[in-house]
Amino acid sequence: MDNQTIIAFVANVSSVIAVKAGKGHKVIAQMKDGSEVVLKKSGNLKAFVNVFDERVNNNAPRHTTSRYCTFNNKEGVKALASARRYATPIASFQITEAA
């Protein structure tokens, strides 16, 4: 993925929802064109997903949007991008829990 792909992804996000999945929650981005992108398969529910224009989540699978996302209780939280440099998110979306 490159910066243009991430910027296009951010522009196309309609909402972000969390669905109960086993013991945790699956976080899904709903796009304006009706498609869905899974950002997190399972884990603790956080209030916001912060999207960056560079890789900040090296635990996520390769070539996925998840590598450019962090999940936090506050919006706009910076993330460590390299050894001594923090990245600022380009977008933050509030996660709503689906019924």
PDB file of N, CA and C in Angstrom:
ATOM      1  N   MET A   1       0.847  -1.173   0.000  1.00  0.00           N
ATOM      2  CA  MET A   1       0.000   0.000   0.000  1.00  0.00           C
ATOM      3  C   MET A   1       0.893   1.237   0.000  1.00  0.00           C
ATOM      4  N   ASP A   2       0.375   2.306  -0.560  1.00  0.00           N
ATOM      5  CA  ASP A   2       1.127   3.553  -0.582  1.00  0.00           C
ATOM      6  C   ASP A   2       0.259   4.684  -0.031  1.00  0.00           C
ATOM      7  N   ASN A   3       0.813   5.878   0.029  1.00  0.00           N
ATOM      8  CA  ASN A   3       0.098   7.019   0.605  1.00  0.00           C
ATOM      9  C   ASN A   3      -1.186   7.336  -0.140  1.00  0.00           C
ATOM     10  N   GLN A   4      -1.177   7.253  -1.458  1.00  0.00           N
ATOM     11  CA  GLN A   4      -2.374   7.563  -2.242  1.00  0.00           C
ATOM     12  C   GLN A   4      -3.503   6.584  -1.927  1.00  0.00           C
ATOM     13  N   THR A   5      -3.165   5.319  -1.735  1.00  0.00           N
ATOM     14  CA  THR A   5      -4.174   4.311  -1.404  1.00  0.00           C
ATOM     15  C   THR A   5      -4.796   4.596  -0.043  1.00  0.00           C
ATOM     16  N   ILE A   6      -3.976   4.967   0.929  1.00  0.00           N
ATOM     17  CA  ILE A   6      -4.478   5.269   2.274  1.00  0.00           C
ATOM     18  C   ILE A   6      -5.343   6.524   2.254  1.00  0.00           C
ATOM     19  N   ILE A   7      -4.923   7.542   1.515  1.00  0.00           N
ATOM     20  CA  ILE A   7      -5.723   8.770   1.422  1.00  0.00           C
ATOM     21  C   ILE A   7      -7.062   8.489   0.764  1.00  0.00           C
ATOM     22  N   ALA A   8      -7.069   7.642  -0.269  1.00  0.00           N
ATOM     23  CA  ALA A   8      -8.322   7.249  -0.917  1.00  0.00           C
ATOM     24  C   ALA A   8      -9.192   6.440   0.044  1.00  0.00           C
ATOM     25  N   PHE A   9      -8.570   5.581   0.847  1.00  0.00           N
ATOM     26  CA  PHE A   9      -9.304   4.800   1.841  1.00  0.00           C
ATOM     27  C   PHE A   9      -9.990   5.722   2.844  1.00  0.00           C
ATOM     28  N   VAL A  10      -9.256   6.700   3.372  1.00  0.00           N
ATOM     29  CA  VAL A  10      -9.807   7.638   4.355  1.00  0.00           C
ATOM     30  C   VAL A  10     -10.974   8.421   3.765  1.00  0.00           C
ATOM     31  N   ALA A  11     -10.848   8.832   2.512  1.00  0.00           N
ATOM     32  CA  ALA A  11     -11.909   9.600   1.861  1.00  0.00           C
ATOM     33  C   ALA A  11     -13.165   8.768   1.620  1.00  0.00           C
ATOM     34  N   ASN A  12     -13.010   7.448   1.547  1.00  0.00           N
ATOM     35  CA  ASN A  12     -14.129   6.571   1.223  1.00  0.00           C
ATOM     36  C   ASN A  12     -14.807   5.972   2.457  1.00  0.00           C
ATOM     37  N   VAL A  13     -14.257   6.177   3.651  1.00  0.00           N
ATOM     38  CA  VAL A  13     -14.848   5.595   4.870  1.00  0.00           C
ATOM     39  C   VAL A  13     -16.132   6.338   5.222  1.00  0.00           C
ATOM     40  N   SER A  14     -17.191   5.562   5.411  1.00  0.00           N
ATOM     41  CA  SER A  14     -18.478   6.123   5.806  1.00  0.00           C
ATOM     42  C   SER A  14     -18.623   6.093   7.329  1.00  0.00           C
ATOM     43  N   SER A  15     -18.312   4.937   7.924  1.00  0.00           N
ATOM     44  CA  SER A  15     -18.378   4.780   9.376  1.00  0.00           C
ATOM     45  C   SER A  15     -17.516   3.589   9.785  1.00  0.00           C
ATOM     46  N   VAL A  16     -17.244   3.502  11.075  1.00  0.00           N
ATOM     47  CA  VAL A  16     -16.482   2.378  11.616  1.00  0.00           C
ATOM     48  C   VAL A  16     -17.311   1.764  12.739  1.00  0.00           C
ATOM     49  N   ILE A  17     -17.536   0.453  12.640  1.00  0.00           N
ATOM     50  CA  ILE A  17     -18.357  -0.237  13.634  1.00  0.00           C
ATOM     51  C   ILE A  17     -17.564  -1.362  14.287  1.00  0.00           C
ATOM     52  N   ALA A  18     -18.006  -1.769  15.466  1.00  0.00           N
ATOM     53  CA  ALA A  18     -17.435  -2.907  16.174  1.00  0.00           C
ATOM     54  C   ALA A  18     -18.531  -3.937  16.366  1.00  0.00           C
ATOM     55  N   VAL A  19     -18.229  -5.171  16.022  1.00  0.00           N
ATOM     56  CA  VAL A  19     -19.180  -6.272  16.136  1.00  0.00           C
ATOM     57  C   VAL A  19     -18.595  -7.287  17.106  1.00  0.00           C
ATOM     58  N   LYS A  20     -19.408  -7.788  18.022  1.00  0.00           N
ATOM     59  CA  LYS A  20     -18.951  -8.788  18.986  1.00  0.00           C
ATOM     60  C   LYS A  20     -18.484 -10.024  18.236  1.00  0.00           C
ATOM     61  N   ALA A  21     -17.247 -10.475  18.547  1.00  0.00           N
ATOM     62  CA  ALA A  21     -16.671 -11.662  17.898  1.00  0.00           C
ATOM     63  C   ALA A  21     -15.962 -12.491  18.966  1.00  0.00           C
ATOM     64  N   GLY A  22     -16.632 -13.518  19.455  1.00  0.00           N
ATOM     65  CA  GLY A  22     -16.057 -14.342  20.515  1.00  0.00           C
ATOM     66  C   GLY A  22     -15.917 -13.540  21.796  1.00  0.00           C
ATOM     67  N   LYS A  23     -14.694 -13.502  22.351  1.00  0.00           N
ATOM     68  CA  LYS A  23     -14.452 -12.746  23.581  1.00  0.00           C
ATOM     69  C   LYS A  23     -14.162 -11.276  23.294  1.00  0.00           C
ATOM     70  N   GLY A  24     -13.827 -10.945  22.058  1.00  0.00           N
ATOM     71  CA  GLY A  24     -13.472  -9.570  21.723  1.00  0.00           C
ATOM     72  C   GLY A  24     -14.443  -8.942  20.738  1.00  0.00           C
ATOM     73  N   HIS A  25     -13.941  -7.956  20.001  1.00  0.00           N
ATOM     74  CA  HIS A  25     -14.735  -7.245  19.002  1.00  0.00           C
ATOM     75  C   HIS A  25     -13.989  -7.191  17.679  1.00  0.00           C
ATOM     76  N   LYS A  26     -14.718  -7.343  16.592  1.00  0.00           N
ATOM     77  CA  LYS A  26     -14.174  -7.168  15.254  1.00  0.00           C
ATOM     78  C   LYS A  26     -14.496  -5.748  14.820  1.00  0.00           C
ATOM     79  N   VAL A  27     -13.488  -5.014  14.331  1.00  0.00           N
ATOM     80  CA  VAL A  27     -13.675  -3.631  13.910  1.00  0.00           C
ATOM     81  C   VAL A  27     -13.724  -3.587  12.386  1.00  0.00           C
ATOM     82  N   ILE A  28     -14.805  -3.025  11.859  1.00  0.00           N
ATOM     83  CA  ILE A  28     -15.058  -3.007  10.421  1.00  0.00           C
ATOM     84  C   ILE A  28     -15.282  -1.569   9.960  1.00  0.00           C
ATOM     85  N   ALA A  29     -14.597  -1.191   8.877  1.00  0.00           N
ATOM     86  CA  ALA A  29     -14.826   0.115   8.259  1.00  0.00           C
ATOM     87  C   ALA A  29     -15.857  -0.078   7.151  1.00  0.00           C
ATOM     88  N   GLN A  30     -16.954   0.649   7.234  1.00  0.00           N
ATOM     89  CA  GLN A  30     -17.975   0.607   6.190  1.00  0.00           C
ATOM     90  C   GLN A  30     -17.674   1.734   5.210  1.00  0.00           C
ATOM     91  N   MET A  31     -17.575   1.373   3.926  1.00  0.00           N
ATOM     92  CA  MET A  31     -17.190   2.337   2.909  1.00  0.00           C
ATOM     93  C   MET A  31     -18.425   2.966   2.268  1.00  0.00           C
ATOM     94  N   LYS A  32     -18.222   4.122   1.629  1.00  0.00           N
ATOM     95  CA  LYS A  32     -19.323   4.832   0.979  1.00  0.00           C
ATOM     96  C   LYS A  32     -19.897   4.047  -0.189  1.00  0.00           C
ATOM     97  N   ASP A  33     -19.081   3.172  -0.809  1.00  0.00           N
ATOM     98  CA  ASP A  33     -19.555   2.373  -1.940  1.00  0.00           C
ATOM     99  C   ASP A  33     -20.271   1.092  -1.496  1.00  0.00           C
ATOM    100  N   GLY A  34     -20.424   0.893  -0.184  1.00  0.00           N
ATOM    101  CA  GLY A  34     -21.157  -0.258   0.343  1.00  0.00           C
ATOM    102  C   GLY A  34     -20.276  -1.421   0.757  1.00  0.00           C
ATOM    103  N   SER A  35     -19.003  -1.411   0.418  1.00  0.00           N
ATOM    104  CA  SER A  35     -18.119  -2.504   0.799  1.00  0.00           C
ATOM    105  C   SER A  35     -17.664  -2.331   2.251  1.00  0.00           C
ATOM    106  N   GLU A  36     -17.035  -3.370   2.775  1.00  0.00           N
ATOM    107  CA  GLU A  36     -16.546  -3.345   4.147  1.00  0.00           C
ATOM    108  C   GLU A  36     -15.094  -3.803   4.180  1.00  0.00           C
ATOM    109  N   VAL A  37     -14.304  -3.206   5.080  1.00  0.00           N
ATOM    110  CA  VAL A  37     -12.907  -3.580   5.262  1.00  0.00           C
ATOM    111  C   VAL A  37     -12.702  -3.890   6.738  1.00  0.00           C
ATOM    112  N   VAL A  38     -12.205  -5.093   7.035  1.00  0.00           N
ATOM    113  CA  VAL A  38     -11.940  -5.480   8.420  1.00  0.00           C
ATOM    114  C   VAL A  38     -10.621  -4.848   8.838  1.00  0.00           C
ATOM    115  N   LEU A  39     -10.678  -4.029   9.882  1.00  0.00           N
ATOM    116  CA  LEU A  39      -9.478  -3.374  10.392  1.00  0.00           C
ATOM    117  C   LEU A  39      -8.843  -4.161  11.529  1.00  0.00           C
ATOM    118  N   LYS A  40      -9.671  -4.901  12.263  1.00  0.00           N
ATOM    119  CA  LYS A  40      -9.180  -5.675  13.410  1.00  0.00           C
ATOM    120  C   LYS A  40     -10.065  -6.908  13.543  1.00  0.00           C
ATOM    121  N   LYS A  41      -9.471  -8.096  13.546  1.00  0.00           N
ATOM    122  CA  LYS A  41     -10.252  -9.330  13.603  1.00  0.00           C
ATOM    123  C   LYS A  41     -10.862  -9.580  14.968  1.00  0.00           C
ATOM    124  N   SER A  42     -10.092  -9.319  16.019  1.00  0.00           N
ATOM    125  CA  SER A  42     -10.606  -9.526  17.362  1.00  0.00           C
ATOM    126  C   SER A  42      -9.707  -8.803  18.353  1.00  0.00           C
ATOM    127  N   GLY A  43     -10.307  -8.280  19.388  1.00  0.00           N
ATOM    128  CA  GLY A  43      -9.522  -7.602  20.418  1.00  0.00           C
ATOM    129  C   GLY A  43     -10.391  -6.727  21.286  1.00  0.00           C
ATOM    130  N   ASN A  44      -9.736  -5.990  22.166  1.00  0.00           N
ATOM    131  CA  ASN A  44     -10.445  -5.083  23.072  1.00  0.00           C
ATOM    132  C   ASN A  44     -11.082  -3.952  22.291  1.00  0.00           C
ATOM    133  N   LEU A  45     -12.234  -3.525  22.753  1.00  0.00           N
ATOM    134  CA  LEU A  45     -12.937  -2.424  22.101  1.00  0.00           C
ATOM    135  C   LEU A  45     -12.365  -1.087  22.571  1.00  0.00           C
ATOM    136  N   LYS A  46     -11.943  -0.279  21.632  1.00  0.00           N
ATOM    137  CA  LYS A  46     -11.459   1.073  21.908  1.00  0.00           C
ATOM    138  C   LYS A  46     -12.431   2.054  21.265  1.00  0.00           C
ATOM    139  N   ALA A  47     -12.343   3.320  21.636  1.00  0.00           N
ATOM    140  CA  ALA A  47     -13.307   4.315  21.169  1.00  0.00           C
ATOM    141  C   ALA A  47     -12.986   4.857  19.774  1.00  0.00           C
ATOM    142  N   PHE A  48     -11.705   4.892  19.393  1.00  0.00           N
ATOM    143  CA  PHE A  48     -11.316   5.514  18.129  1.00  0.00           C
ATOM    144  C   PHE A  48     -10.325   4.639  17.363  1.00  0.00           C
ATOM    145  N   VAL A  49     -10.363   4.772  16.053  1.00  0.00           N
ATOM    146  CA  VAL A  49      -9.311   4.234  15.190  1.00  0.00           C
ATOM    147  C   VAL A  49      -8.624   5.438  14.553  1.00  0.00           C
ATOM    148  N   ASN A  50      -7.311   5.508  14.690  1.00  0.00           N
ATOM    149  CA  ASN A  50      -6.515   6.582  14.108  1.00  0.00           C
ATOM    150  C   ASN A  50      -5.799   6.029  12.885  1.00  0.00           C
ATOM    151  N   VAL A  51      -5.902   6.717  11.762  1.00  0.00           N
ATOM    152  CA  VAL A  51      -5.311   6.265  10.504  1.00  0.00           C
ATOM    153  C   VAL A  51      -4.128   7.164  10.160  1.00  0.00           C
ATOM    154  N   PHE A  52      -3.020   6.547   9.763  1.00  0.00           N
ATOM    155  CA  PHE A  52      -1.782   7.260   9.466  1.00  0.00           C
ATOM    156  C   PHE A  52      -1.417   7.084   7.993  1.00  0.00           C
ATOM    157  N   ASP A  53      -0.568   7.979   7.488  1.00  0.00           N
ATOM    158  CA  ASP A  53      -0.120   7.854   6.098  1.00  0.00           C
ATOM    159  C   ASP A  53       1.201   7.096   5.985  1.00  0.00           C
ATOM    160  N   GLU A  54       1.603   6.446   7.074  1.00  0.00           N
ATOM    161  CA  GLU A  54       2.775   5.581   7.072  1.00  0.00           C
ATOM    162  C   GLU A  54       2.520   4.406   8.007  1.00  0.00           C
ATOM    163  N   ARG A  55       3.310   3.354   7.848  1.00  0.00           N
ATOM    164  CA  ARG A  55       3.118   2.154   8.643  1.00  0.00           C
ATOM    165  C   ARG A  55       3.443   2.412  10.106  1.00  0.00           C
ATOM    166  N   VAL A  56       2.510   2.089  11.002  1.00  0.00           N
ATOM    167  CA  VAL A  56       2.729   2.262  12.441  1.00  0.00           C
ATOM    168  C   VAL A  56       2.412   0.988  13.223  1.00  0.00           C
ATOM    169  N   ASN A  57       1.721   0.051  12.628  1.00  0.00           N
ATOM    170  CA  ASN A  57       1.320  -1.178  13.304  1.00  0.00           C
ATOM    171  C   ASN A  57       1.991  -2.353  12.608  1.00  0.00           C
ATOM    172  N   ASN A  58       3.177  -2.709  13.067  1.00  0.00           N
ATOM    173  CA  ASN A  58       3.917  -3.790  12.421  1.00  0.00           C
ATOM    174  C   ASN A  58       3.431  -5.171  12.826  1.00  0.00           C
ATOM    175  N   ASN A  59       2.484  -5.267  13.754  1.00  0.00           N
ATOM    176  CA  ASN A  59       1.904  -6.554  14.140  1.00  0.00           C
ATOM    177  C   ASN A  59       0.803  -6.994  13.187  1.00  0.00           C
ATOM    178  N   ALA A  60       0.282  -6.080  12.385  1.00  0.00           N
ATOM    179  CA  ALA A  60      -0.812  -6.398  11.462  1.00  0.00           C
ATOM    180  C   ALA A  60      -0.272  -7.167  10.249  1.00  0.00           C
ATOM    181  N   PRO A  61      -1.139  -7.943   9.585  1.00  0.00           N
ATOM    182  CA  PRO A  61      -0.704  -8.671   8.383  1.00  0.00           C
ATOM    183  C   PRO A  61      -0.187  -7.728   7.301  1.00  0.00           C
ATOM    184  N   ARG A  62       0.760  -8.211   6.512  1.00  0.00           N
ATOM    185  CA  ARG A  62       1.344  -7.384   5.447  1.00  0.00           C
ATOM    186  C   ARG A  62       0.321  -7.009   4.399  1.00  0.00           C
ATOM    187  N   HIS A  63       0.533  -5.877   3.776  1.00  0.00           N
ATOM    188  CA  HIS A  63      -0.276  -5.374   2.669  1.00  0.00           C
ATOM    189  C   HIS A  63      -1.751  -5.210   3.047  1.00  0.00           C
ATOM    190  N   THR A  64      -2.008  -4.822   4.290  1.00  0.00           N
ATOM    191  CA  THR A  64      -3.379  -4.565   4.724  1.00  0.00           C
ATOM    192  C   THR A  64      -3.488  -3.137   5.247  1.00  0.00           C
ATOM    193  N   THR A  65      -4.700  -2.648   5.263  1.00  0.00           N
ATOM    194  CA  THR A  65      -4.961  -1.311   5.786  1.00  0.00           C
ATOM    195  C   THR A  65      -4.658  -1.237   7.281  1.00  0.00           C
ATOM    196  N   SER A  66      -4.752  -2.352   7.973  1.00  0.00           N
ATOM    197  CA  SER A  66      -4.526  -2.396   9.420  1.00  0.00           C
ATOM    198  C   SER A  66      -3.135  -1.929   9.819  1.00  0.00           C
ATOM    199  N   ARG A  67      -2.161  -2.057   8.944  1.00  0.00           N
ATOM    200  CA  ARG A  67      -0.798  -1.618   9.261  1.00  0.00           C
ATOM    201  C   ARG A  67      -0.720  -0.108   9.437  1.00  0.00           C
ATOM    202  N   TYR A  68      -1.710   0.612   8.941  1.00  0.00           N
ATOM    203  CA  TYR A  68      -1.720   2.069   9.001  1.00  0.00           C
ATOM    204  C   TYR A  68      -2.677   2.585  10.072  1.00  0.00           C
ATOM    205  N   CYS A  69      -3.149   1.695  10.957  1.00  0.00           N
ATOM    206  CA  CYS A  69      -4.148   2.063  11.961  1.00  0.00           C
ATOM    207  C   CYS A  69      -3.684   1.726  13.366  1.00  0.00           C
ATOM    208  N   THR A  70      -4.094   2.563  14.315  1.00  0.00           N
ATOM    209  CA  THR A  70      -3.960   2.239  15.729  1.00  0.00           C
ATOM    210  C   THR A  70      -5.323   2.445  16.372  1.00  0.00           C
ATOM    211  N   PHE A  71      -5.550   1.754  17.475  1.00  0.00           N
ATOM    212  CA  PHE A  71      -6.835   1.817  18.171  1.00  0.00           C
ATOM    213  C   PHE A  71      -6.588   2.401  19.555  1.00  0.00           C
ATOM    214  N   ASN A  72      -7.273   3.509  19.856  1.00  0.00           N
ATOM    215  CA  ASN A  72      -7.034   4.241  21.095  1.00  0.00           C
ATOM    216  C   ASN A  72      -8.343   4.698  21.715  1.00  0.00           C
ATOM    217  N   ASN A  73      -8.264   5.144  22.973  1.00  0.00           N
ATOM    218  CA  ASN A  73      -9.431   5.694  23.656  1.00  0.00           C
ATOM    219  C   ASN A  73      -9.618   7.178  23.370  1.00  0.00           C
ATOM    220  N   LYS A  74      -8.629   7.815  22.733  1.00  0.00           N
ATOM    221  CA  LYS A  74      -8.722   9.226  22.361  1.00  0.00           C
ATOM    222  C   LYS A  74      -8.406   9.368  20.877  1.00  0.00           C
ATOM    223  N   GLU A  75      -8.964  10.393  20.247  1.00  0.00           N
ATOM    224  CA  GLU A  75      -8.644  10.629  18.842  1.00  0.00           C
ATOM    225  C   GLU A  75      -7.356  11.436  18.726  1.00  0.00           C
ATOM    226  N   GLY A  76      -6.667  11.262  17.608  1.00  0.00           N
ATOM    227  CA  GLY A  76      -5.475  12.048  17.326  1.00  0.00           C
ATOM    228  C   GLY A  76      -4.228  11.647  18.091  1.00  0.00           C
ATOM    229  N   VAL A  77      -4.187  10.428  18.626  1.00  0.00           N
ATOM    230  CA  VAL A  77      -3.023   9.974  19.383  1.00  0.00           C
ATOM    231  C   VAL A  77      -1.883   9.640  18.420  1.00  0.00           C
ATOM    232  N   LYS A  78      -0.707  10.193  18.687  1.00  0.00           N
ATOM    233  CA  LYS A  78       0.456   9.918  17.840  1.00  0.00           C
ATOM    234  C   LYS A  78       0.950   8.502  18.092  1.00  0.00           C
ATOM    235  N   ALA A  79       1.643   7.934  17.084  1.00  0.00           N
ATOM    236  CA  ALA A  79       2.171   6.581  17.210  1.00  0.00           C
ATOM    237  C   ALA A  79       3.639   6.574  16.804  1.00  0.00           C
ATOM    238  N   LEU A  80       4.394   5.679  17.397  1.00  0.00           N
ATOM    239  CA  LEU A  80       5.807   5.554  17.096  1.00  0.00           C
ATOM    240  C   LEU A  80       5.969   4.960  15.698  1.00  0.00           C
ATOM    241  N   ALA A  81       6.584   5.707  14.788  1.00  0.00           N
ATOM    242  CA  ALA A  81       6.755   5.272  13.404  1.00  0.00           C
ATOM    243  C   ALA A  81       8.128   4.659  13.176  1.00  0.00           C
ATOM    244  N   SER A  82       9.128   5.157  13.853  1.00  0.00           N
ATOM    245  CA  SER A  82      10.478   4.604  13.773  1.00  0.00           C
ATOM    246  C   SER A  82      11.130   4.769  15.135  1.00  0.00           C
ATOM    247  N   ALA A  83      12.414   4.507  15.222  1.00  0.00           N
ATOM    248  CA  ALA A  83      13.097   4.480  16.510  1.00  0.00           C
ATOM    249  C   ALA A  83      12.905   5.738  17.349  1.00  0.00           C
ATOM    250  N   ARG A  84      12.914   6.918  16.721  1.00  0.00           N
ATOM    251  CA  ARG A  84      12.809   8.156  17.494  1.00  0.00           C
ATOM    252  C   ARG A  84      11.809   9.141  16.925  1.00  0.00           C
ATOM    253  N   ARG A  85      10.929   8.677  16.085  1.00  0.00           N
ATOM    254  CA  ARG A  85      10.017   9.603  15.413  1.00  0.00           C
ATOM    255  C   ARG A  85       8.575   9.144  15.591  1.00  0.00           C
ATOM    256  N   TYR A  86       7.715  10.098  15.950  1.00  0.00           N
ATOM    257  CA  TYR A  86       6.294   9.826  16.099  1.00  0.00           C
ATOM    258  C   TYR A  86       5.538  10.350  14.893  1.00  0.00           C
ATOM    259  N   ALA A  87       4.523   9.614  14.478  1.00  0.00           N
ATOM    260  CA  ALA A  87       3.682  10.020  13.358  1.00  0.00           C
ATOM    261  C   ALA A  87       2.362  10.571  13.882  1.00  0.00           C
ATOM    262  N   THR A  88       1.826  11.536  13.165  1.00  0.00           N
ATOM    263  CA  THR A  88       0.547  12.140  13.502  1.00  0.00           C
ATOM    264  C   THR A  88      -0.523  11.557  12.572  1.00  0.00           C
ATOM    265  N   PRO A  89      -1.683  11.173  13.097  1.00  0.00           N
ATOM    266  CA  PRO A  89      -2.718  10.589  12.232  1.00  0.00           C
ATOM    267  C   PRO A  89      -3.281  11.598  11.240  1.00  0.00           C
ATOM    268  N   ILE A  90      -3.667  11.089  10.067  1.00  0.00           N
ATOM    269  CA  ILE A  90      -4.291  11.942   9.060  1.00  0.00           C
ATOM    270  C   ILE A  90      -5.807  11.958   9.238  1.00  0.00           C
ATOM    271  N   ALA A  91      -6.333  10.961   9.966  1.00  0.00           N
ATOM    272  CA  ALA A  91      -7.780  10.908  10.229  1.00  0.00           C
ATOM    273  C   ALA A  91      -8.044  10.068  11.477  1.00  0.00           C
ATOM    274  N   SER A  92      -9.123  10.381  12.161  1.00  0.00           N
ATOM    275  CA  SER A  92      -9.583   9.606  13.316  1.00  0.00           C
ATOM    276  C   SER A  92     -11.073   9.349  13.144  1.00  0.00           C
ATOM    277  N   PHE A  93     -11.477   8.123  13.387  1.00  0.00           N
ATOM    278  CA  PHE A  93     -12.893   7.755  13.271  1.00  0.00           C
ATOM    279  C   PHE A  93     -13.359   7.167  14.590  1.00  0.00           C
ATOM    280  N   GLN A  94     -14.540   7.602  15.027  1.00  0.00           N
ATOM    281  CA  GLN A  94     -15.121   7.038  16.244  1.00  0.00           C
ATOM    282  C   GLN A  94     -15.726   5.684  15.910  1.00  0.00           C
ATOM    283  N   ILE A  95     -15.476   4.711  16.791  1.00  0.00           N
ATOM    284  CA  ILE A  95     -15.998   3.364  16.596  1.00  0.00           C
ATOM    285  C   ILE A  95     -17.319   3.250  17.337  1.00  0.00           C
ATOM    286  N   THR A  96     -18.365   2.840  16.625  1.00  0.00           N
ATOM    287  CA  THR A  96     -19.672   2.633  17.260  1.00  0.00           C
ATOM    288  C   THR A  96     -19.937   1.142  17.349  1.00  0.00           C
ATOM    289  N   GLU A  97     -20.459   0.723  18.485  1.00  0.00           N
ATOM    290  CA  GLU A  97     -20.731  -0.696  18.683  1.00  0.00           C
ATOM    291  C   GLU A  97     -22.061  -1.077  18.038  1.00  0.00           C
ATOM    292  N   ALA A  98     -22.019  -2.072  17.178  1.00  0.00           N
ATOM    293  CA  ALA A  98     -23.238  -2.520  16.487  1.00  0.00           C
ATOM    294  C   ALA A  98     -24.101  -3.317  17.457  1.00  0.00           C
ATOM    295  N   ALA A  99     -25.395  -3.218  17.260  1.00  0.00           N
ATOM    296  CA  ALA A  99     -26.336  -3.899  18.147  1.00  0.00           C
ATOM    297  C   ALA A  99     -26.405  -5.374  17.875  1.00  0.00           C
TER     298      ALA A  99
END
